[in-house]
């Protein structure tokens, strides 16, 4: 059971302050929204958005793999050089959150799962999915009757896969599979 990675959110440390005014003047595609302490750099290939802050911190979202993050970072560094700003140290890239989806290929009785399993929340009047929290790997799953699951909080693709498998095993163990 291999989940599809939908989004990777990473933080990047550039180890230097960024002159945001100078950057937005040199790079017209960078947005500078009012009342926001940074600028937004949207890329089409890879399709990601980067929030760039004065402190040299960058939040990258929308990536589907590590190569997307590295390609986006390379483009950002090129734009910074074009604006007359050099980054001398190798930037630090840290994955903060991976969101993935998977299918268990079975229908799930969420009422049974909510009563039998620990670390679950299920309020069908408010949300059609069951929230299931795992300690190892530290993730949160949204489980739907259709057997689809959304995995959040993973730090690596391997953790997302482990969480999906543990969730599938738990659904079977508690007899929550609908025949």
N, C-alpha and C. Protein backbone atom coordinates (compact mmCIF):
# COMPACT_ATOMS: atom_id res chain seq x y z
N UNK A 1 0.86 -1.18 0.00
CA UNK A 1 0.00 0.00 0.00
C UNK A 1 0.90 1.24 0.00
N UNK A 2 1.03 1.83 -1.17
CA UNK A 2 1.91 2.99 -1.30
C UNK A 2 1.04 4.24 -1.50
N UNK A 3 1.11 5.16 -0.55
CA UNK A 3 0.30 6.38 -0.69
C UNK A 3 0.85 7.32 -1.76
N UNK A 4 -0.03 8.16 -2.28
CA UNK A 4 0.36 9.21 -3.22
C UNK A 4 0.68 10.47 -2.43
N UNK A 5 1.84 11.02 -2.63
CA UNK A 5 2.18 12.27 -1.95
C UNK A 5 1.47 13.41 -2.66
N UNK A 6 0.70 14.17 -1.89
CA UNK A 6 -0.07 15.29 -2.43
C UNK A 6 0.63 16.62 -2.22
N UNK A 7 1.36 16.75 -1.11
CA UNK A 7 1.99 18.02 -0.78
C UNK A 7 3.10 17.80 0.24
N UNK A 8 4.23 18.45 0.01
CA UNK A 8 5.30 18.46 0.99
C UNK A 8 5.54 19.92 1.37
N UNK A 9 5.48 20.20 2.65
CA UNK A 9 5.78 21.54 3.15
C UNK A 9 7.16 21.48 3.79
N UNK A 10 8.03 22.37 3.36
CA UNK A 10 9.39 22.38 3.92
C UNK A 10 9.76 23.79 4.33
N UNK A 11 10.68 23.87 5.29
CA UNK A 11 11.25 25.16 5.66
C UNK A 11 12.70 25.17 5.16
N UNK A 12 13.10 26.32 4.69
CA UNK A 12 14.45 26.49 4.15
C UNK A 12 15.09 27.66 4.87
N UNK A 13 16.32 27.47 5.31
CA UNK A 13 17.08 28.54 5.96
C UNK A 13 18.19 28.96 5.02
N UNK A 14 18.18 30.25 4.65
CA UNK A 14 19.17 30.77 3.70
C UNK A 14 20.43 31.32 4.39
N UNK A 15 20.40 31.47 5.70
CA UNK A 15 21.54 31.98 6.48
C UNK A 15 21.96 33.39 6.06
N UNK A 16 20.98 34.22 5.70
CA UNK A 16 21.25 35.63 5.44
C UNK A 16 19.93 36.38 5.40
N UNK A 17 19.99 37.66 5.71
CA UNK A 17 18.79 38.48 5.61
C UNK A 17 18.52 38.79 4.14
N UNK A 18 17.24 38.98 3.83
CA UNK A 18 16.83 39.25 2.45
C UNK A 18 16.19 40.63 2.39
N UNK A 19 16.64 41.45 1.46
CA UNK A 19 16.05 42.76 1.22
C UNK A 19 14.83 42.53 0.33
N UNK A 20 13.64 42.47 0.93
CA UNK A 20 12.43 42.12 0.20
C UNK A 20 12.05 43.18 -0.83
N UNK A 21 12.28 44.45 -0.52
CA UNK A 21 11.96 45.52 -1.48
C UNK A 21 12.83 45.39 -2.72
N UNK A 22 14.10 45.18 -2.51
CA UNK A 22 15.04 45.02 -3.62
C UNK A 22 14.66 43.79 -4.46
N UNK A 23 14.28 42.72 -3.78
CA UNK A 23 13.90 41.49 -4.47
C UNK A 23 12.65 41.69 -5.32
N UNK A 24 11.62 42.33 -4.77
CA UNK A 24 10.38 42.52 -5.54
C UNK A 24 10.58 43.47 -6.71
N UNK A 25 11.49 44.43 -6.59
CA UNK A 25 11.77 45.33 -7.72
C UNK A 25 12.53 44.60 -8.82
N UNK A 26 13.42 43.69 -8.45
CA UNK A 26 14.24 42.98 -9.43
C UNK A 26 13.50 41.80 -10.07
N UNK A 27 12.51 41.25 -9.36
CA UNK A 27 11.80 40.06 -9.84
C UNK A 27 10.30 40.36 -9.86
N UNK A 28 9.78 40.81 -11.01
CA UNK A 28 8.36 41.23 -11.06
C UNK A 28 7.35 40.14 -10.72
N UNK A 29 7.69 38.87 -10.90
CA UNK A 29 6.70 37.81 -10.61
C UNK A 29 6.55 37.52 -9.12
N UNK A 30 7.35 38.16 -8.29
CA UNK A 30 7.22 37.98 -6.85
C UNK A 30 6.15 38.93 -6.33
N UNK A 31 5.20 38.38 -5.56
CA UNK A 31 4.09 39.17 -5.01
C UNK A 31 4.46 39.69 -3.63
N UNK A 32 4.02 40.90 -3.34
CA UNK A 32 4.25 41.50 -2.03
C UNK A 32 2.90 41.95 -1.47
N UNK A 33 2.15 41.00 -0.86
CA UNK A 33 0.82 41.36 -0.36
C UNK A 33 0.88 42.30 0.84
N UNK A 34 -0.13 43.15 0.94
CA UNK A 34 -0.21 44.07 2.08
C UNK A 34 -0.36 43.29 3.38
N UNK A 35 0.19 43.83 4.45
CA UNK A 35 0.06 43.28 5.79
C UNK A 35 0.60 41.85 5.92
N UNK A 36 1.51 41.46 5.06
CA UNK A 36 2.15 40.16 5.15
C UNK A 36 3.64 40.42 5.32
N UNK A 37 4.28 39.76 6.26
CA UNK A 37 5.68 40.09 6.56
C UNK A 37 6.71 39.51 5.58
N UNK A 38 6.25 38.97 4.46
CA UNK A 38 7.17 38.41 3.48
C UNK A 38 6.65 38.62 2.08
N UNK A 39 7.26 37.92 1.13
CA UNK A 39 6.82 37.97 -0.26
C UNK A 39 6.50 36.54 -0.72
N UNK A 40 5.73 36.45 -1.79
CA UNK A 40 5.33 35.15 -2.32
C UNK A 40 5.93 34.98 -3.71
N UNK A 41 6.64 33.87 -3.87
CA UNK A 41 7.22 33.52 -5.17
C UNK A 41 6.54 32.24 -5.63
N UNK A 42 5.71 32.35 -6.69
CA UNK A 42 5.00 31.19 -7.23
C UNK A 42 5.72 30.69 -8.48
N UNK A 43 5.97 29.41 -8.51
CA UNK A 43 6.63 28.81 -9.66
C UNK A 43 5.63 27.89 -10.38
N UNK A 44 5.79 27.77 -11.68
CA UNK A 44 4.93 26.86 -12.45
C UNK A 44 5.56 25.49 -12.63
N UNK A 45 6.92 25.47 -12.73
CA UNK A 45 7.64 24.20 -12.88
C UNK A 45 8.82 24.21 -11.94
N UNK A 46 8.80 23.50 -10.86
CA UNK A 46 7.68 22.73 -10.32
C UNK A 46 6.60 23.66 -9.78
N UNK A 47 5.39 23.17 -9.69
CA UNK A 47 4.28 24.00 -9.23
C UNK A 47 4.31 24.08 -7.70
N UNK A 48 5.01 25.08 -7.20
CA UNK A 48 5.13 25.30 -5.76
C UNK A 48 4.98 26.80 -5.47
N UNK A 49 4.74 27.10 -4.22
CA UNK A 49 4.73 28.49 -3.75
C UNK A 49 5.77 28.59 -2.64
N UNK A 50 6.51 29.69 -2.66
CA UNK A 50 7.53 29.91 -1.64
C UNK A 50 7.23 31.24 -0.95
N UNK A 51 7.15 31.20 0.37
CA UNK A 51 7.01 32.40 1.17
C UNK A 51 8.41 32.77 1.63
N UNK A 52 8.87 33.94 1.24
CA UNK A 52 10.24 34.37 1.55
C UNK A 52 10.14 35.50 2.58
N UNK A 53 10.88 35.35 3.68
CA UNK A 53 10.86 36.33 4.76
C UNK A 53 12.19 37.06 4.86
N UNK A 54 12.14 38.25 5.42
CA UNK A 54 13.32 39.11 5.61
C UNK A 54 14.48 38.39 6.32
N UNK A 55 14.14 37.50 7.21
CA UNK A 55 15.14 36.80 8.02
C UNK A 55 15.93 35.76 7.25
N UNK A 56 15.51 35.48 6.01
CA UNK A 56 16.15 34.43 5.24
C UNK A 56 15.48 33.09 5.40
N UNK A 57 14.35 33.07 6.08
CA UNK A 57 13.55 31.85 6.19
C UNK A 57 12.60 31.78 5.00
N UNK A 58 12.41 30.57 4.48
CA UNK A 58 11.53 30.35 3.34
C UNK A 58 10.65 29.14 3.66
N UNK A 59 9.36 29.25 3.36
CA UNK A 59 8.45 28.12 3.48
C UNK A 59 8.06 27.74 2.06
N UNK A 60 8.27 26.49 1.73
CA UNK A 60 7.96 25.99 0.39
C UNK A 60 6.81 24.99 0.52
N UNK A 61 5.73 25.19 -0.25
CA UNK A 61 4.61 24.26 -0.21
C UNK A 61 4.16 23.93 -1.63
N UNK A 62 3.55 22.76 -1.75
CA UNK A 62 3.06 22.33 -3.05
C UNK A 62 3.94 21.29 -3.72
N UNK A 63 5.13 21.06 -3.19
CA UNK A 63 6.03 20.08 -3.79
C UNK A 63 5.45 18.68 -3.64
N UNK A 64 5.77 17.82 -4.58
CA UNK A 64 5.31 16.43 -4.51
C UNK A 64 6.46 15.47 -4.24
N UNK A 65 7.68 16.01 -4.27
CA UNK A 65 8.85 15.19 -3.96
C UNK A 65 10.03 16.12 -3.62
N UNK A 66 11.10 15.53 -3.15
CA UNK A 66 12.28 16.32 -2.72
C UNK A 66 12.90 17.02 -3.92
N UNK A 67 12.87 16.40 -5.09
CA UNK A 67 13.43 17.03 -6.29
C UNK A 67 12.72 18.35 -6.60
N UNK A 68 11.40 18.40 -6.38
CA UNK A 68 10.65 19.65 -6.60
C UNK A 68 11.16 20.75 -5.67
N UNK A 69 11.42 20.40 -4.42
CA UNK A 69 11.91 21.39 -3.46
C UNK A 69 13.28 21.91 -3.91
N UNK A 70 14.16 20.99 -4.28
CA UNK A 70 15.51 21.39 -4.70
C UNK A 70 15.48 22.24 -5.97
N UNK A 71 14.60 21.89 -6.92
CA UNK A 71 14.48 22.67 -8.16
C UNK A 71 13.95 24.08 -7.86
N UNK A 72 12.96 24.17 -6.97
CA UNK A 72 12.41 25.48 -6.61
C UNK A 72 13.46 26.32 -5.89
N UNK A 73 14.22 25.71 -5.00
CA UNK A 73 15.27 26.42 -4.28
C UNK A 73 16.32 26.94 -5.25
N UNK A 74 16.68 26.14 -6.21
CA UNK A 74 17.67 26.56 -7.22
C UNK A 74 17.17 27.80 -7.97
N UNK A 75 15.87 27.80 -8.34
CA UNK A 75 15.30 28.96 -9.03
C UNK A 75 15.28 30.19 -8.13
N UNK A 76 14.94 30.00 -6.85
CA UNK A 76 14.92 31.12 -5.92
C UNK A 76 16.32 31.70 -5.76
N UNK A 77 17.32 30.86 -5.61
CA UNK A 77 18.70 31.34 -5.47
C UNK A 77 19.14 32.11 -6.70
N UNK A 78 18.71 31.67 -7.88
CA UNK A 78 19.03 32.38 -9.12
C UNK A 78 18.38 33.77 -9.12
N UNK A 79 17.12 33.85 -8.65
CA UNK A 79 16.43 35.16 -8.58
C UNK A 79 17.12 36.08 -7.57
N UNK A 80 17.56 35.52 -6.45
CA UNK A 80 18.28 36.32 -5.45
C UNK A 80 19.58 36.87 -6.04
N UNK A 81 20.33 36.02 -6.75
CA UNK A 81 21.57 36.48 -7.40
C UNK A 81 21.27 37.58 -8.40
N UNK A 82 20.16 37.41 -9.16
CA UNK A 82 19.75 38.43 -10.13
C UNK A 82 19.42 39.76 -9.47
N UNK A 83 19.02 39.71 -8.20
CA UNK A 83 18.69 40.93 -7.45
C UNK A 83 19.92 41.43 -6.68
N UNK A 84 21.07 40.81 -6.92
CA UNK A 84 22.30 41.27 -6.28
C UNK A 84 22.54 40.71 -4.88
N UNK A 85 21.86 39.63 -4.53
CA UNK A 85 22.02 39.02 -3.20
C UNK A 85 22.61 37.63 -3.35
N UNK A 86 23.69 37.39 -2.68
CA UNK A 86 24.36 36.08 -2.72
C UNK A 86 24.06 35.31 -1.44
N UNK A 87 23.91 34.01 -1.58
CA UNK A 87 23.77 33.12 -0.44
C UNK A 87 25.04 32.28 -0.42
N UNK A 88 25.88 32.51 0.58
CA UNK A 88 27.19 31.85 0.59
C UNK A 88 27.15 30.44 1.17
N UNK A 89 26.32 30.21 2.18
CA UNK A 89 26.24 28.88 2.77
C UNK A 89 25.19 28.04 2.04
N UNK A 90 25.36 26.74 2.12
CA UNK A 90 24.36 25.84 1.55
C UNK A 90 23.10 25.94 2.40
N UNK A 91 21.96 26.27 1.78
CA UNK A 91 20.72 26.40 2.55
C UNK A 91 20.34 25.08 3.22
N UNK A 92 19.72 25.21 4.38
CA UNK A 92 19.22 24.05 5.12
C UNK A 92 17.76 23.82 4.74
N UNK A 93 17.45 22.62 4.27
CA UNK A 93 16.08 22.26 3.89
C UNK A 93 15.58 21.22 4.88
N UNK A 94 14.43 21.51 5.51
CA UNK A 94 13.84 20.58 6.47
C UNK A 94 12.38 20.34 6.10
N UNK A 95 11.99 19.08 5.98
CA UNK A 95 10.59 18.74 5.72
C UNK A 95 9.81 18.92 7.01
N UNK A 96 8.74 19.67 6.94
CA UNK A 96 7.89 19.91 8.10
C UNK A 96 6.66 19.02 8.12
N UNK A 97 6.12 18.72 6.94
CA UNK A 97 4.87 17.97 6.87
C UNK A 97 4.69 17.38 5.48
N UNK A 98 4.28 16.14 5.45
CA UNK A 98 3.91 15.50 4.19
C UNK A 98 2.44 15.13 4.29
N UNK A 99 1.69 15.48 3.25
CA UNK A 99 0.28 15.08 3.16
C UNK A 99 0.20 14.09 2.01
N UNK A 100 -0.39 12.93 2.29
CA UNK A 100 -0.50 11.88 1.28
C UNK A 100 -1.89 11.28 1.33
N UNK A 101 -2.27 10.58 0.26
CA UNK A 101 -3.56 9.90 0.23
C UNK A 101 -3.34 8.46 -0.21
N UNK A 102 -4.25 7.61 0.20
CA UNK A 102 -4.16 6.19 -0.17
C UNK A 102 -5.56 5.58 -0.11
N UNK A 103 -5.67 4.42 -0.71
CA UNK A 103 -6.93 3.68 -0.65
C UNK A 103 -6.66 2.31 -0.04
N UNK A 104 -7.52 1.92 0.89
CA UNK A 104 -7.40 0.60 1.50
C UNK A 104 -8.11 -0.46 0.66
N UNK A 105 -8.83 -0.03 -0.37
CA UNK A 105 -9.56 -0.93 -1.27
C UNK A 105 -10.62 -1.76 -0.56
N UNK A 106 -11.13 -1.24 0.55
CA UNK A 106 -12.27 -1.84 1.25
C UNK A 106 -13.11 -0.69 1.80
N UNK A 107 -14.37 -0.96 2.04
CA UNK A 107 -15.22 0.03 2.72
C UNK A 107 -15.04 -0.16 4.22
N UNK A 108 -15.17 0.95 4.98
CA UNK A 108 -14.87 0.92 6.41
C UNK A 108 -16.10 1.33 7.23
N UNK A 109 -16.40 0.55 8.26
CA UNK A 109 -17.46 0.90 9.19
C UNK A 109 -16.83 1.83 10.24
N UNK A 110 -17.02 3.12 10.08
CA UNK A 110 -16.40 4.10 10.96
C UNK A 110 -16.97 4.06 12.37
N UNK A 111 -18.23 3.65 12.52
CA UNK A 111 -18.82 3.54 13.86
C UNK A 111 -18.10 2.47 14.68
N UNK A 112 -17.83 1.33 14.07
CA UNK A 112 -17.11 0.24 14.75
C UNK A 112 -15.70 0.72 15.11
N UNK A 113 -15.05 1.33 14.17
CA UNK A 113 -13.68 1.79 14.40
C UNK A 113 -13.63 2.82 15.54
N UNK A 114 -14.60 3.73 15.58
CA UNK A 114 -14.63 4.76 16.62
C UNK A 114 -14.83 4.14 18.00
N UNK A 115 -15.61 3.06 18.09
CA UNK A 115 -15.85 2.43 19.39
C UNK A 115 -14.70 1.52 19.82
N UNK A 116 -14.04 0.87 18.89
CA UNK A 116 -13.03 -0.13 19.22
C UNK A 116 -11.61 0.43 19.34
N UNK A 117 -11.26 1.37 18.50
CA UNK A 117 -9.87 1.84 18.45
C UNK A 117 -9.65 3.03 19.37
N UNK A 118 -8.43 3.10 19.91
CA UNK A 118 -8.04 4.26 20.72
C UNK A 118 -7.53 5.36 19.79
N UNK A 119 -7.42 6.55 20.34
CA UNK A 119 -6.88 7.70 19.60
C UNK A 119 -7.69 8.04 18.36
N UNK A 120 -9.02 7.94 18.47
CA UNK A 120 -9.88 8.30 17.35
C UNK A 120 -10.87 9.37 17.76
N UNK A 121 -11.30 10.13 16.78
CA UNK A 121 -12.38 11.11 16.96
C UNK A 121 -13.31 10.94 15.77
N UNK A 122 -14.61 10.86 16.06
CA UNK A 122 -15.57 10.70 14.97
C UNK A 122 -16.85 11.41 15.32
N UNK A 123 -17.15 12.44 14.58
CA UNK A 123 -18.38 13.22 14.74
C UNK A 123 -19.01 13.37 13.36
N UNK A 124 -19.76 12.36 12.90
CA UNK A 124 -20.27 12.37 11.52
C UNK A 124 -21.18 13.55 11.19
N UNK A 125 -21.78 14.17 12.22
CA UNK A 125 -22.62 15.34 11.96
C UNK A 125 -21.78 16.54 11.54
N UNK A 126 -20.51 16.55 11.95
CA UNK A 126 -19.64 17.68 11.65
C UNK A 126 -18.67 17.41 10.51
N UNK A 127 -18.22 16.14 10.37
CA UNK A 127 -17.23 15.80 9.36
C UNK A 127 -17.39 14.32 9.01
N UNK A 128 -17.38 13.97 7.73
CA UNK A 128 -17.67 12.58 7.35
C UNK A 128 -16.53 11.57 7.58
N UNK A 129 -15.39 12.05 8.04
CA UNK A 129 -14.27 11.14 8.26
C UNK A 129 -13.95 10.95 9.73
N UNK A 130 -13.26 9.85 10.01
CA UNK A 130 -12.80 9.56 11.35
C UNK A 130 -11.34 10.02 11.46
N UNK A 131 -11.01 10.68 12.54
CA UNK A 131 -9.64 11.14 12.77
C UNK A 131 -8.94 10.09 13.63
N UNK A 132 -7.82 9.60 13.14
CA UNK A 132 -7.06 8.57 13.85
C UNK A 132 -5.62 9.04 14.01
N UNK A 133 -5.14 9.05 15.26
CA UNK A 133 -3.78 9.52 15.56
C UNK A 133 -2.87 8.34 15.87
N UNK A 134 -1.73 8.33 15.21
CA UNK A 134 -0.71 7.31 15.47
C UNK A 134 0.47 7.96 16.18
N UNK A 135 1.09 7.21 17.10
CA UNK A 135 2.30 7.71 17.78
C UNK A 135 3.56 7.40 16.97
N UNK A 136 3.58 6.22 16.33
CA UNK A 136 4.75 5.82 15.55
C UNK A 136 4.31 5.28 14.20
N UNK A 137 4.60 5.95 13.13
CA UNK A 137 5.17 7.29 13.07
C UNK A 137 4.12 8.32 13.48
N UNK A 138 4.56 9.42 14.02
CA UNK A 138 3.66 10.46 14.54
C UNK A 138 2.92 11.10 13.36
N UNK A 139 1.70 10.64 13.15
CA UNK A 139 0.88 11.09 12.02
C UNK A 139 -0.59 11.14 12.44
N UNK A 140 -1.38 11.80 11.62
CA UNK A 140 -2.83 11.84 11.81
C UNK A 140 -3.46 11.41 10.49
N UNK A 141 -4.39 10.47 10.58
CA UNK A 141 -5.10 9.98 9.41
C UNK A 141 -6.55 10.42 9.45
N UNK A 142 -7.07 10.76 8.29
CA UNK A 142 -8.50 10.95 8.11
C UNK A 142 -8.96 9.71 7.35
N UNK A 143 -9.85 8.94 7.96
CA UNK A 143 -10.32 7.70 7.35
C UNK A 143 -11.77 7.91 6.93
N UNK A 144 -12.08 7.56 5.69
CA UNK A 144 -13.43 7.73 5.16
C UNK A 144 -14.07 6.36 4.91
N UNK A 145 -15.39 6.34 4.91
CA UNK A 145 -16.15 5.09 4.71
C UNK A 145 -15.73 4.40 3.42
N UNK A 146 -15.38 5.16 2.41
CA UNK A 146 -15.00 4.62 1.10
C UNK A 146 -13.69 3.83 1.16
N UNK A 147 -12.97 3.95 2.28
CA UNK A 147 -11.67 3.29 2.38
C UNK A 147 -10.51 4.20 2.02
N UNK A 148 -10.82 5.43 1.65
CA UNK A 148 -9.76 6.40 1.35
C UNK A 148 -9.22 6.94 2.66
N UNK A 149 -7.92 7.20 2.69
CA UNK A 149 -7.32 7.82 3.86
C UNK A 149 -6.43 8.97 3.42
N UNK A 150 -6.39 9.98 4.25
CA UNK A 150 -5.49 11.12 4.08
C UNK A 150 -4.52 11.05 5.24
N UNK A 151 -3.25 11.07 4.95
CA UNK A 151 -2.19 10.99 5.97
C UNK A 151 -1.56 12.37 6.09
N UNK A 152 -1.47 12.89 7.31
CA UNK A 152 -0.81 14.18 7.52
C UNK A 152 0.22 14.03 8.64
N UNK A 153 1.20 14.91 8.60
CA UNK A 153 2.18 14.94 9.68
C UNK A 153 3.41 14.10 9.46
N UNK A 154 3.46 13.32 8.39
CA UNK A 154 4.64 12.49 8.13
C UNK A 154 5.84 13.41 7.81
N UNK A 155 7.02 12.95 8.18
CA UNK A 155 8.25 13.70 7.89
C UNK A 155 9.01 13.12 6.71
N UNK A 156 8.69 11.86 6.37
CA UNK A 156 9.33 11.21 5.23
C UNK A 156 8.27 10.42 4.46
N UNK A 157 8.51 10.16 3.17
CA UNK A 157 7.57 9.32 2.42
C UNK A 157 7.45 7.92 3.04
N UNK A 158 8.53 7.43 3.62
CA UNK A 158 8.48 6.11 4.27
C UNK A 158 7.54 6.12 5.47
N UNK A 159 7.55 7.21 6.24
CA UNK A 159 6.61 7.33 7.37
C UNK A 159 5.16 7.34 6.88
N UNK A 160 4.90 7.99 5.76
CA UNK A 160 3.53 8.01 5.21
C UNK A 160 3.11 6.60 4.84
N UNK A 161 4.02 5.83 4.25
CA UNK A 161 3.71 4.44 3.88
C UNK A 161 3.46 3.59 5.11
N UNK A 162 4.32 3.73 6.14
CA UNK A 162 4.13 2.97 7.38
C UNK A 162 2.79 3.31 8.03
N UNK A 163 2.43 4.59 8.05
CA UNK A 163 1.17 5.01 8.66
C UNK A 163 -0.02 4.43 7.90
N UNK A 164 0.04 4.43 6.58
CA UNK A 164 -1.05 3.87 5.77
C UNK A 164 -1.21 2.38 6.05
N UNK A 165 -0.10 1.65 6.12
CA UNK A 165 -0.17 0.21 6.38
C UNK A 165 -0.69 -0.08 7.78
N UNK A 166 -0.22 0.67 8.77
CA UNK A 166 -0.69 0.46 10.14
C UNK A 166 -2.19 0.75 10.24
N UNK A 167 -2.66 1.77 9.53
CA UNK A 167 -4.07 2.11 9.55
C UNK A 167 -4.89 0.98 8.92
N UNK A 168 -4.46 0.49 7.77
CA UNK A 168 -5.16 -0.63 7.11
C UNK A 168 -5.20 -1.85 8.03
N UNK A 169 -4.07 -2.17 8.66
CA UNK A 169 -4.02 -3.32 9.56
C UNK A 169 -4.97 -3.16 10.75
N UNK A 170 -5.04 -1.93 11.28
CA UNK A 170 -5.91 -1.65 12.41
C UNK A 170 -7.38 -1.81 12.02
N UNK A 171 -7.74 -1.33 10.84
CA UNK A 171 -9.13 -1.46 10.36
C UNK A 171 -9.51 -2.93 10.29
N UNK A 172 -8.62 -3.76 9.78
CA UNK A 172 -8.89 -5.21 9.69
C UNK A 172 -8.93 -5.84 11.08
N UNK A 173 -7.97 -5.48 11.93
CA UNK A 173 -7.87 -6.05 13.29
C UNK A 173 -9.15 -5.81 14.10
N UNK A 174 -9.74 -4.62 13.96
CA UNK A 174 -10.94 -4.28 14.73
C UNK A 174 -12.23 -4.71 14.04
N UNK A 175 -12.11 -5.40 12.92
CA UNK A 175 -13.31 -5.90 12.25
C UNK A 175 -14.17 -4.79 11.67
N UNK A 176 -13.55 -3.72 11.22
CA UNK A 176 -14.30 -2.58 10.71
C UNK A 176 -14.44 -2.60 9.18
N UNK A 177 -14.06 -3.70 8.56
CA UNK A 177 -14.21 -3.82 7.10
C UNK A 177 -15.66 -4.18 6.79
N UNK A 178 -16.25 -3.47 5.85
CA UNK A 178 -17.62 -3.76 5.40
C UNK A 178 -17.53 -4.70 4.22
N UNK A 179 -18.23 -5.86 4.33
CA UNK A 179 -18.21 -6.86 3.24
C UNK A 179 -19.08 -6.44 2.09
